[in-house]
Amino acid sequence: MSAAAPAYPIGLEIDAPAPQNRLSVLLRCFYMIPHAIALMFVGIAANAVAVIAWFAILFTGKYPEGMLNFSVGALRWQVRATGYMWLMTDKYPPFSLEEDSAYPLRLVGSGQVEGRNRLTCFFRPLMALPHLIVLGILFVVGYVVLVVAWFAALFGGSVPQGLHDFMAGLGRWYTRVSAYAMLLTDEYPPFSLS
């Protein structure tokens, strides 16, 4: 059973909790080192693309399509790696910007190339700030939930449904705000875990 993403232009679909390999849970931080290194460079490139896109949108009203595709791919890779780290799945994430419909976490949506709102683009950093503040607080709660989920998965072999649902909601919210901050869409994200 798959939890549907909200009706926001960029969303996240996450499969229901499944059994976890206890050794994988124990060593998850070590398994993520290669992704962390690769995503550091992908993140630097994505931030550079976002700055260039900010100027492009301000002057042309369009997000260059190739740059948009890269940014969507970078977000796709980031959410898969984050979902794996957050114990949303036991399936190791691919090292790829490309779509993978078989992976248990799927970014849905493709971003907005034309018809961009130059005014909201100009003020995007300020407009994202309320979400970033609330998410900062929720991430503190999320880390506590993650520690509880880690022990549950380590000793019980799976993440309890309630903990999985909270982390999935946090992942969805984070994905929407990231998409908004990366200029992938002009629609203001809802303040919601759903």
N, C-alpha and C. Protein backbone atom coordinates (compact mmCIF):
# COMPACT_ATOMS: atom_id res chain seq x y z
N MET A 1 0.85 -1.18 0.00
CA MET A 1 0.00 0.00 0.00
C MET A 1 0.89 1.24 0.00
N SER A 2 0.56 2.20 -0.82
CA SER A 2 1.37 3.41 -0.96
C SER A 2 0.58 4.60 -0.47
N ALA A 3 1.25 5.45 0.32
CA ALA A 3 0.61 6.69 0.78
C ALA A 3 0.74 7.72 -0.33
N ALA A 4 -0.35 8.31 -0.74
CA ALA A 4 -0.35 9.25 -1.86
C ALA A 4 0.24 10.59 -1.44
N ALA A 5 0.91 11.20 -2.39
CA ALA A 5 1.48 12.52 -2.17
C ALA A 5 0.37 13.57 -2.24
N PRO A 6 0.53 14.69 -1.58
CA PRO A 6 -0.48 15.74 -1.63
C PRO A 6 -0.57 16.35 -3.02
N ALA A 7 -1.61 17.15 -3.23
CA ALA A 7 -1.85 17.76 -4.54
C ALA A 7 -0.96 18.99 -4.75
N TYR A 8 0.25 18.94 -4.33
CA TYR A 8 1.23 20.00 -4.54
C TYR A 8 2.01 19.62 -5.80
N PRO A 9 2.50 20.59 -6.58
CA PRO A 9 3.18 20.25 -7.85
C PRO A 9 4.36 19.28 -7.72
N ILE A 10 5.05 19.30 -6.60
CA ILE A 10 6.16 18.37 -6.34
C ILE A 10 5.82 17.65 -5.04
N GLY A 11 5.81 16.35 -5.07
CA GLY A 11 5.44 15.60 -3.87
C GLY A 11 6.30 14.37 -3.69
N LEU A 12 5.94 13.61 -2.68
CA LEU A 12 6.70 12.42 -2.32
C LEU A 12 5.74 11.29 -2.03
N GLU A 13 5.88 10.19 -2.74
CA GLU A 13 5.13 8.97 -2.45
C GLU A 13 6.04 8.04 -1.66
N ILE A 14 5.50 7.46 -0.60
CA ILE A 14 6.29 6.58 0.26
C ILE A 14 5.50 5.31 0.51
N ASP A 15 6.11 4.17 0.25
CA ASP A 15 5.46 2.89 0.52
C ASP A 15 5.30 2.68 2.02
N ALA A 16 4.38 1.79 2.36
CA ALA A 16 4.13 1.43 3.77
C ALA A 16 5.39 0.81 4.37
N PRO A 17 5.49 0.81 5.71
CA PRO A 17 6.68 0.22 6.33
C PRO A 17 6.80 -1.26 6.00
N ALA A 18 8.04 -1.68 5.83
CA ALA A 18 8.35 -3.07 5.53
C ALA A 18 9.43 -3.54 6.51
N PRO A 19 9.61 -4.84 6.65
CA PRO A 19 10.68 -5.33 7.55
C PRO A 19 12.05 -4.76 7.15
N GLN A 20 12.87 -4.55 8.17
CA GLN A 20 14.21 -4.00 7.96
C GLN A 20 15.25 -5.04 8.36
N ASN A 21 16.34 -5.08 7.64
CA ASN A 21 17.47 -5.93 7.98
C ASN A 21 18.17 -5.28 9.17
N ARG A 22 18.27 -6.02 10.26
CA ARG A 22 18.82 -5.45 11.50
C ARG A 22 20.28 -5.02 11.34
N LEU A 23 21.06 -5.76 10.59
CA LEU A 23 22.45 -5.37 10.35
C LEU A 23 22.50 -4.06 9.56
N SER A 24 21.62 -3.93 8.57
CA SER A 24 21.54 -2.70 7.79
C SER A 24 21.16 -1.52 8.68
N VAL A 25 20.22 -1.75 9.59
CA VAL A 25 19.81 -0.68 10.52
C VAL A 25 21.00 -0.28 11.39
N LEU A 26 21.72 -1.26 11.90
CA LEU A 26 22.88 -1.00 12.78
C LEU A 26 23.95 -0.18 12.05
N LEU A 27 24.19 -0.50 10.77
CA LEU A 27 25.28 0.12 10.03
C LEU A 27 24.82 1.21 9.07
N ARG A 28 23.59 1.66 9.19
CA ARG A 28 23.01 2.61 8.24
C ARG A 28 23.86 3.87 8.05
N CYS A 29 24.39 4.42 9.12
CA CYS A 29 25.23 5.63 9.01
C CYS A 29 26.47 5.37 8.16
N PHE A 30 27.06 4.21 8.31
CA PHE A 30 28.25 3.87 7.52
C PHE A 30 27.89 3.63 6.06
N TYR A 31 26.75 2.97 5.84
CA TYR A 31 26.30 2.73 4.47
C TYR A 31 26.04 4.03 3.72
N MET A 32 25.68 5.08 4.44
CA MET A 32 25.32 6.35 3.80
C MET A 32 26.51 7.23 3.48
N ILE A 33 27.70 6.87 3.92
CA ILE A 33 28.87 7.72 3.67
C ILE A 33 29.09 7.98 2.18
N PRO A 34 29.05 6.98 1.30
CA PRO A 34 29.24 7.28 -0.13
C PRO A 34 28.18 8.24 -0.68
N HIS A 35 26.93 8.08 -0.25
CA HIS A 35 25.88 8.99 -0.70
C HIS A 35 26.12 10.40 -0.16
N ALA A 36 26.53 10.50 1.09
CA ALA A 36 26.79 11.81 1.69
C ALA A 36 27.88 12.55 0.91
N ILE A 37 28.92 11.85 0.53
CA ILE A 37 30.00 12.48 -0.23
C ILE A 37 29.50 12.92 -1.60
N ALA A 38 28.83 12.01 -2.31
CA ALA A 38 28.32 12.35 -3.64
C ALA A 38 27.30 13.48 -3.57
N LEU A 39 26.39 13.41 -2.58
CA LEU A 39 25.35 14.44 -2.48
C LEU A 39 25.92 15.80 -2.05
N MET A 40 27.07 15.80 -1.41
CA MET A 40 27.71 17.07 -1.09
C MET A 40 28.03 17.82 -2.39
N PHE A 41 28.58 17.12 -3.35
CA PHE A 41 28.92 17.74 -4.64
C PHE A 41 27.67 18.04 -5.46
N VAL A 42 26.71 17.13 -5.44
CA VAL A 42 25.46 17.37 -6.15
C VAL A 42 24.74 18.59 -5.53
N GLY A 43 24.78 18.69 -4.22
CA GLY A 43 24.16 19.83 -3.54
C GLY A 43 24.82 21.15 -3.88
N ILE A 44 26.13 21.16 -3.96
CA ILE A 44 26.85 22.38 -4.36
C ILE A 44 26.41 22.79 -5.77
N ALA A 45 26.36 21.81 -6.67
CA ALA A 45 25.93 22.10 -8.04
C ALA A 45 24.47 22.56 -8.07
N ALA A 46 23.60 21.92 -7.29
CA ALA A 46 22.19 22.30 -7.26
C ALA A 46 22.01 23.72 -6.71
N ASN A 47 22.80 24.09 -5.72
CA ASN A 47 22.73 25.46 -5.18
C ASN A 47 23.19 26.47 -6.23
N ALA A 48 24.24 26.14 -6.96
CA ALA A 48 24.71 27.03 -8.03
C ALA A 48 23.65 27.16 -9.11
N VAL A 49 23.02 26.06 -9.47
CA VAL A 49 21.94 26.09 -10.47
C VAL A 49 20.78 26.94 -9.97
N ALA A 50 20.43 26.82 -8.69
CA ALA A 50 19.33 27.61 -8.14
C ALA A 50 19.62 29.11 -8.22
N VAL A 51 20.86 29.50 -7.96
CA VAL A 51 21.23 30.93 -8.06
C VAL A 51 21.12 31.40 -9.51
N ILE A 52 21.64 30.61 -10.43
CA ILE A 52 21.55 30.98 -11.85
C ILE A 52 20.09 31.01 -12.29
N ALA A 53 19.31 30.02 -11.84
CA ALA A 53 17.88 29.97 -12.20
C ALA A 53 17.14 31.17 -11.63
N TRP A 54 17.52 31.61 -10.45
CA TRP A 54 16.88 32.78 -9.83
C TRP A 54 17.01 33.98 -10.77
N PHE A 55 18.21 34.21 -11.27
CA PHE A 55 18.42 35.32 -12.22
C PHE A 55 17.68 35.07 -13.52
N ALA A 56 17.72 33.84 -14.01
CA ALA A 56 17.03 33.52 -15.27
C ALA A 56 15.53 33.77 -15.16
N ILE A 57 14.94 33.36 -14.05
CA ILE A 57 13.51 33.58 -13.86
C ILE A 57 13.20 35.06 -13.73
N LEU A 58 14.03 35.79 -13.00
CA LEU A 58 13.80 37.23 -12.85
C LEU A 58 13.84 37.95 -14.19
N PHE A 59 14.77 37.56 -15.08
CA PHE A 59 14.93 38.29 -16.35
C PHE A 59 14.09 37.72 -17.49
N THR A 60 13.82 36.41 -17.47
CA THR A 60 13.09 35.83 -18.61
C THR A 60 11.72 35.26 -18.25
N GLY A 61 11.47 35.05 -16.96
CA GLY A 61 10.21 34.43 -16.55
C GLY A 61 10.19 32.93 -16.78
N LYS A 62 11.35 32.33 -17.07
CA LYS A 62 11.44 30.89 -17.33
C LYS A 62 12.60 30.28 -16.54
N TYR A 63 12.40 29.03 -16.15
CA TYR A 63 13.47 28.25 -15.54
C TYR A 63 14.04 27.40 -16.67
N PRO A 64 15.30 27.58 -17.06
CA PRO A 64 15.86 26.80 -18.17
C PRO A 64 15.64 25.30 -17.95
N GLU A 65 15.08 24.63 -18.96
CA GLU A 65 14.62 23.25 -18.80
C GLU A 65 15.71 22.28 -18.37
N GLY A 66 16.89 22.36 -18.95
CA GLY A 66 17.98 21.47 -18.56
C GLY A 66 18.38 21.66 -17.10
N MET A 67 18.42 22.90 -16.68
CA MET A 67 18.75 23.20 -15.28
C MET A 67 17.65 22.69 -14.35
N LEU A 68 16.40 22.85 -14.78
CA LEU A 68 15.27 22.37 -13.99
C LEU A 68 15.35 20.85 -13.83
N ASN A 69 15.63 20.16 -14.91
CA ASN A 69 15.73 18.69 -14.85
C ASN A 69 16.84 18.25 -13.90
N PHE A 70 17.97 18.96 -13.92
CA PHE A 70 19.05 18.64 -12.99
C PHE A 70 18.59 18.86 -11.54
N SER A 71 17.93 19.99 -11.28
CA SER A 71 17.49 20.30 -9.92
C SER A 71 16.47 19.30 -9.42
N VAL A 72 15.54 18.89 -10.27
CA VAL A 72 14.57 17.87 -9.87
C VAL A 72 15.29 16.56 -9.58
N GLY A 73 16.26 16.20 -10.41
CA GLY A 73 17.04 14.99 -10.18
C GLY A 73 17.82 15.04 -8.88
N ALA A 74 18.39 16.20 -8.58
CA ALA A 74 19.15 16.36 -7.33
C ALA A 74 18.21 16.18 -6.13
N LEU A 75 17.02 16.77 -6.21
CA LEU A 75 16.04 16.61 -5.12
C LEU A 75 15.61 15.15 -5.02
N ARG A 76 15.41 14.49 -6.15
CA ARG A 76 15.01 13.08 -6.18
C ARG A 76 16.05 12.22 -5.44
N TRP A 77 17.32 12.43 -5.77
CA TRP A 77 18.40 11.67 -5.14
C TRP A 77 18.43 11.97 -3.63
N GLN A 78 18.30 13.25 -3.30
CA GLN A 78 18.35 13.66 -1.89
C GLN A 78 17.23 13.00 -1.07
N VAL A 79 16.00 12.99 -1.59
CA VAL A 79 14.91 12.43 -0.80
C VAL A 79 15.04 10.91 -0.67
N ARG A 80 15.55 10.25 -1.71
CA ARG A 80 15.76 8.80 -1.59
C ARG A 80 16.81 8.49 -0.52
N ALA A 81 17.92 9.22 -0.54
CA ALA A 81 18.98 9.00 0.45
C ALA A 81 18.49 9.34 1.86
N THR A 82 17.76 10.44 1.99
CA THR A 82 17.22 10.83 3.29
C THR A 82 16.23 9.79 3.80
N GLY A 83 15.36 9.30 2.92
CA GLY A 83 14.40 8.28 3.31
C GLY A 83 15.07 7.00 3.78
N TYR A 84 16.15 6.62 3.13
CA TYR A 84 16.90 5.44 3.56
C TYR A 84 17.52 5.69 4.94
N MET A 85 18.10 6.86 5.12
CA MET A 85 18.71 7.19 6.40
C MET A 85 17.68 7.26 7.52
N TRP A 86 16.49 7.74 7.19
CA TRP A 86 15.41 7.88 8.17
C TRP A 86 14.65 6.57 8.39
N LEU A 87 15.15 5.48 7.86
CA LEU A 87 14.55 4.15 8.03
C LEU A 87 13.17 4.02 7.39
N MET A 88 12.92 4.81 6.35
CA MET A 88 11.65 4.70 5.63
C MET A 88 11.65 3.48 4.73
N THR A 89 12.82 2.99 4.41
CA THR A 89 12.99 1.79 3.59
C THR A 89 14.31 1.14 3.93
N ASP A 90 14.39 -0.14 3.62
CA ASP A 90 15.64 -0.87 3.81
C ASP A 90 16.38 -1.04 2.48
N LYS A 91 15.76 -0.59 1.41
CA LYS A 91 16.36 -0.73 0.07
C LYS A 91 17.38 0.39 -0.15
N TYR A 92 18.62 0.01 -0.45
CA TYR A 92 19.69 0.98 -0.64
C TYR A 92 19.38 1.88 -1.84
N PRO A 93 19.52 3.19 -1.69
CA PRO A 93 19.15 4.10 -2.78
C PRO A 93 20.16 4.08 -3.93
N PRO A 94 19.67 4.27 -5.14
CA PRO A 94 20.59 4.32 -6.29
C PRO A 94 21.38 5.63 -6.32
N PHE A 95 22.55 5.59 -6.90
CA PHE A 95 23.37 6.78 -7.12
C PHE A 95 22.92 7.38 -8.46
N SER A 96 21.80 8.07 -8.44
CA SER A 96 21.23 8.52 -9.71
C SER A 96 20.31 9.71 -9.52
N LEU A 97 20.31 10.57 -10.54
CA LEU A 97 19.36 11.68 -10.61
C LEU A 97 18.07 11.24 -11.29
N GLU A 98 18.09 10.06 -11.89
CA GLU A 98 16.97 9.59 -12.70
C GLU A 98 15.85 9.02 -11.84
N GLU A 99 14.68 8.98 -12.42
CA GLU A 99 13.51 8.42 -11.78
C GLU A 99 13.68 6.90 -11.64
N ASP A 100 13.17 6.35 -10.53
CA ASP A 100 13.19 4.92 -10.30
C ASP A 100 11.85 4.55 -9.68
N SER A 101 10.92 4.13 -10.52
CA SER A 101 9.55 3.87 -10.06
C SER A 101 9.47 2.67 -9.13
N ALA A 102 10.49 1.82 -9.09
CA ALA A 102 10.49 0.65 -8.21
C ALA A 102 10.99 0.99 -6.81
N TYR A 103 11.61 2.16 -6.63
CA TYR A 103 12.15 2.49 -5.31
C TYR A 103 10.99 2.87 -4.37
N PRO A 104 11.05 2.51 -3.08
CA PRO A 104 9.94 2.76 -2.16
C PRO A 104 9.63 4.23 -1.85
N LEU A 105 10.54 5.14 -2.19
CA LEU A 105 10.28 6.58 -2.07
C LEU A 105 10.42 7.18 -3.46
N ARG A 106 9.37 7.86 -3.91
CA ARG A 106 9.36 8.39 -5.27
C ARG A 106 8.97 9.86 -5.27
N LEU A 107 9.82 10.67 -5.87
CA LEU A 107 9.50 12.08 -6.07
C LEU A 107 8.53 12.16 -7.24
N VAL A 108 7.41 12.85 -7.05
CA VAL A 108 6.43 13.01 -8.12
C VAL A 108 6.34 14.49 -8.49
N GLY A 109 6.18 14.73 -9.78
CA GLY A 109 6.14 16.10 -10.28
C GLY A 109 7.41 16.39 -11.05
N SER A 110 7.35 17.43 -11.86
CA SER A 110 8.50 17.70 -12.73
C SER A 110 8.98 19.14 -12.68
N GLY A 111 8.36 19.98 -11.94
CA GLY A 111 8.78 21.38 -11.88
C GLY A 111 8.09 22.21 -12.94
N GLN A 112 8.29 23.50 -12.87
CA GLN A 112 7.61 24.47 -13.71
C GLN A 112 8.63 25.27 -14.51
N VAL A 113 8.58 25.14 -15.84
CA VAL A 113 9.53 25.84 -16.70
C VAL A 113 9.05 27.25 -16.99
N GLU A 114 7.85 27.38 -17.52
CA GLU A 114 7.35 28.68 -17.99
C GLU A 114 6.28 29.25 -17.08
N GLY A 115 5.94 30.51 -17.34
CA GLY A 115 4.88 31.17 -16.58
C GLY A 115 5.26 31.42 -15.13
N ARG A 116 6.50 31.69 -14.90
CA ARG A 116 6.99 31.87 -13.53
C ARG A 116 6.66 33.25 -13.00
N ASN A 117 6.41 33.32 -11.70
CA ASN A 117 6.09 34.57 -11.03
C ASN A 117 7.41 35.21 -10.58
N ARG A 118 7.77 36.28 -11.23
CA ARG A 118 9.07 36.92 -10.95
C ARG A 118 9.12 37.54 -9.55
N LEU A 119 7.99 38.06 -9.09
CA LEU A 119 7.96 38.70 -7.78
C LEU A 119 8.18 37.68 -6.67
N THR A 120 7.45 36.56 -6.71
CA THR A 120 7.66 35.55 -5.66
C THR A 120 9.05 34.91 -5.77
N CYS A 121 9.57 34.85 -6.98
CA CYS A 121 10.93 34.34 -7.16
C CYS A 121 11.93 35.28 -6.46
N PHE A 122 11.75 36.57 -6.65
CA PHE A 122 12.66 37.54 -6.05
C PHE A 122 12.67 37.42 -4.53
N PHE A 123 11.49 37.22 -3.93
CA PHE A 123 11.38 37.16 -2.47
C PHE A 123 11.41 35.73 -1.91
N ARG A 124 11.76 34.76 -2.73
CA ARG A 124 11.71 33.35 -2.33
C ARG A 124 12.43 33.05 -1.02
N PRO A 125 13.66 33.54 -0.82
CA PRO A 125 14.33 33.21 0.46
C PRO A 125 13.53 33.68 1.67
N LEU A 126 12.94 34.85 1.60
CA LEU A 126 12.14 35.35 2.72
C LEU A 126 10.83 34.57 2.86
N MET A 127 10.24 34.21 1.73
CA MET A 127 8.96 33.50 1.77
C MET A 127 9.12 32.08 2.30
N ALA A 128 10.27 31.47 2.13
CA ALA A 128 10.50 30.12 2.63
C ALA A 128 10.84 30.11 4.13
N LEU A 129 11.21 31.24 4.67
CA LEU A 129 11.68 31.32 6.05
C LEU A 129 10.68 30.78 7.08
N PRO A 130 9.37 31.09 7.03
CA PRO A 130 8.46 30.52 8.03
C PRO A 130 8.46 28.99 8.02
N HIS A 131 8.50 28.40 6.84
CA HIS A 131 8.56 26.94 6.76
C HIS A 131 9.85 26.41 7.37
N LEU A 132 10.96 27.08 7.09
CA LEU A 132 12.25 26.62 7.60
C LEU A 132 12.30 26.67 9.12
N ILE A 133 11.66 27.67 9.71
CA ILE A 133 11.61 27.77 11.17
C ILE A 133 10.79 26.62 11.76
N VAL A 134 9.60 26.40 11.21
CA VAL A 134 8.74 25.32 11.71
C VAL A 134 9.40 23.96 11.48
N LEU A 135 9.98 23.77 10.30
CA LEU A 135 10.67 22.50 10.02
C LEU A 135 11.86 22.30 10.95
N GLY A 136 12.55 23.36 11.30
CA GLY A 136 13.66 23.25 12.25
C GLY A 136 13.20 22.67 13.58
N ILE A 137 12.05 23.14 14.04
CA ILE A 137 11.48 22.62 15.30
C ILE A 137 11.04 21.17 15.12
N LEU A 138 10.37 20.89 14.00
CA LEU A 138 9.90 19.53 13.75
C LEU A 138 11.07 18.54 13.57
N PHE A 139 12.19 19.02 13.04
CA PHE A 139 13.34 18.13 12.89
C PHE A 139 13.90 17.71 14.24
N VAL A 140 13.80 18.56 15.25
CA VAL A 140 14.23 18.17 16.60
C VAL A 140 13.36 17.00 17.07
N VAL A 141 12.04 17.13 16.89
CA VAL A 141 11.13 16.04 17.23
C VAL A 141 11.44 14.82 16.36
N GLY A 142 11.68 15.07 15.08
CA GLY A 142 11.99 13.98 14.14
C GLY A 142 13.21 13.19 14.54
N TYR A 143 14.24 13.85 15.06
CA TYR A 143 15.44 13.13 15.47
C TYR A 143 15.15 12.24 16.67
N VAL A 144 14.30 12.69 17.59
CA VAL A 144 13.90 11.85 18.72
C VAL A 144 13.12 10.65 18.20
N VAL A 145 12.17 10.90 17.30
CA VAL A 145 11.39 9.81 16.70
C VAL A 145 12.32 8.84 15.96
N LEU A 146 13.30 9.37 15.26
CA LEU A 146 14.24 8.52 14.52
C LEU A 146 15.04 7.62 15.45
N VAL A 147 15.47 8.13 16.60
CA VAL A 147 16.21 7.31 17.56
C VAL A 147 15.32 6.18 18.07
N VAL A 148 14.06 6.50 18.40
CA VAL A 148 13.11 5.47 18.86
C VAL A 148 12.88 4.45 17.74
N ALA A 149 12.70 4.93 16.50
CA ALA A 149 12.49 4.05 15.35
C ALA A 149 13.72 3.17 15.12
N TRP A 150 14.91 3.74 15.31
CA TRP A 150 16.13 2.97 15.11
C TRP A 150 16.19 1.79 16.08
N PHE A 151 15.90 2.06 17.37
CA PHE A 151 15.90 0.97 18.35
C PHE A 151 14.81 -0.05 18.05
N ALA A 152 13.64 0.44 17.64
CA ALA A 152 12.53 -0.47 17.30
C ALA A 152 12.92 -1.37 16.12
N ALA A 153 13.54 -0.79 15.10
CA ALA A 153 13.94 -1.57 13.93
C ALA A 153 15.11 -2.50 14.26
N LEU A 154 16.01 -2.03 15.11
CA LEU A 154 17.17 -2.85 15.47
C LEU A 154 16.75 -4.08 16.26
N PHE A 155 15.82 -3.90 17.20
CA PHE A 155 15.43 -5.02 18.06
C PHE A 155 14.17 -5.73 17.57
N GLY A 156 13.29 -5.02 16.88
CA GLY A 156 12.03 -5.63 16.44
C GLY A 156 12.00 -5.98 14.96
N GLY A 157 12.94 -5.47 14.19
CA GLY A 157 13.01 -5.81 12.78
C GLY A 157 12.16 -4.93 11.86
N SER A 158 11.46 -3.93 12.43
CA SER A 158 10.70 -3.01 11.59
C SER A 158 10.40 -1.73 12.36
N VAL A 159 10.07 -0.69 11.61
CA VAL A 159 9.70 0.59 12.21
C VAL A 159 8.18 0.56 12.45
N PRO A 160 7.72 0.87 13.66
CA PRO A 160 6.28 0.89 13.92
C PRO A 160 5.56 1.89 13.00
N GLN A 161 4.32 1.56 12.64
CA GLN A 161 3.53 2.34 11.70
C GLN A 161 3.44 3.82 12.09
N GLY A 162 3.19 4.13 13.34
CA GLY A 162 3.04 5.53 13.78
C GLY A 162 4.33 6.33 13.60
N LEU A 163 5.46 5.72 13.92
CA LEU A 163 6.75 6.40 13.74
C LEU A 163 7.03 6.58 12.25
N HIS A 164 6.75 5.55 11.47
CA HIS A 164 6.93 5.62 10.01
C HIS A 164 6.07 6.75 9.44
N ASP A 165 4.82 6.82 9.88
CA ASP A 165 3.91 7.85 9.36
C ASP A 165 4.40 9.26 9.69
N PHE A 166 4.91 9.46 10.90
CA PHE A 166 5.42 10.80 11.26
C PHE A 166 6.62 11.16 10.40
N MET A 167 7.56 10.21 10.25
CA MET A 167 8.74 10.49 9.44
C MET A 167 8.37 10.69 7.97
N ALA A 168 7.38 9.95 7.48
CA ALA A 168 6.91 10.13 6.10
C ALA A 168 6.33 11.53 5.93
N GLY A 169 5.52 11.96 6.90
CA GLY A 169 4.94 13.30 6.84
C GLY A 169 6.01 14.38 6.86
N LEU A 170 7.00 14.20 7.72
CA LEU A 170 8.11 15.15 7.78
C LEU A 170 8.86 15.17 6.45
N GLY A 171 9.06 14.01 5.86
CA GLY A 171 9.73 13.92 4.56
C GLY A 171 8.93 14.62 3.46
N ARG A 172 7.61 14.47 3.48
CA ARG A 172 6.77 15.14 2.48
C ARG A 172 6.87 16.66 2.61
N TRP A 173 6.77 17.13 3.84
CA TRP A 173 6.83 18.58 4.07
C TRP A 173 8.19 19.12 3.63
N TYR A 174 9.25 18.44 4.04
CA TYR A 174 10.61 18.85 3.67
C TYR A 174 10.78 18.88 2.15
N THR A 175 10.22 17.88 1.47
CA THR A 175 10.33 17.81 0.01
C THR A 175 9.62 18.99 -0.64
N ARG A 176 8.42 19.32 -0.18
CA ARG A 176 7.68 20.46 -0.75
C ARG A 176 8.43 21.77 -0.54
N VAL A 177 8.94 21.96 0.66
CA VAL A 177 9.67 23.21 0.96
C VAL A 177 10.97 23.27 0.17
N SER A 178 11.65 22.15 0.05
CA SER A 178 12.88 22.11 -0.76
C SER A 178 12.58 22.46 -2.20
N ALA A 179 11.51 21.91 -2.76
CA ALA A 179 11.13 22.20 -4.14
C ALA A 179 10.82 23.68 -4.30
N TYR A 180 10.13 24.25 -3.33
CA TYR A 180 9.80 25.68 -3.37
C TYR A 180 11.06 26.53 -3.27
N ALA A 181 11.94 26.18 -2.33
CA ALA A 181 13.17 26.96 -2.14
C ALA A 181 14.12 26.83 -3.33
N MET A 182 14.08 25.67 -4.00
CA MET A 182 14.94 25.45 -5.18
C MET A 182 14.32 26.04 -6.44
N LEU A 183 13.20 26.75 -6.28
CA LEU A 183 12.51 27.44 -7.39
C LEU A 183 11.87 26.48 -8.38
N LEU A 184 11.59 25.25 -7.98
CA LEU A 184 11.01 24.28 -8.90
C LEU A 184 9.54 24.57 -9.18
N THR A 185 8.90 25.30 -8.29
CA THR A 185 7.50 25.67 -8.44
C THR A 185 7.27 27.02 -7.76
N ASP A 186 6.22 27.72 -8.21
CA ASP A 186 5.87 29.00 -7.59
C ASP A 186 4.79 28.84 -6.53
N GLU A 187 4.13 27.69 -6.48
CA GLU A 187 3.05 27.50 -5.52
C GLU A 187 3.60 27.38 -4.11
N TYR A 188 3.03 28.19 -3.21
CA TYR A 188 3.51 28.19 -1.82
C TYR A 188 3.11 26.87 -1.16
N PRO A 189 4.05 26.21 -0.50
CA PRO A 189 3.74 24.90 0.10
C PRO A 189 2.85 25.02 1.34
N PRO A 190 2.00 24.01 1.54
CA PRO A 190 1.17 24.02 2.75
C PRO A 190 1.98 23.67 3.99
N PHE A 191 1.54 24.16 5.13
CA PHE A 191 2.13 23.80 6.41
C PHE A 191 1.45 22.50 6.86
N SER A 192 1.96 21.38 6.38
CA SER A 192 1.26 20.12 6.63
C SER A 192 2.21 18.94 6.52
N LEU A 193 1.96 17.94 7.38
CA LEU A 193 2.69 16.68 7.31
C LEU A 193 2.07 15.72 6.30
N SER A 194 0.89 16.05 5.81
CA SER A 194 0.21 15.13 4.87
C SER A 194 0.63 15.37 3.44
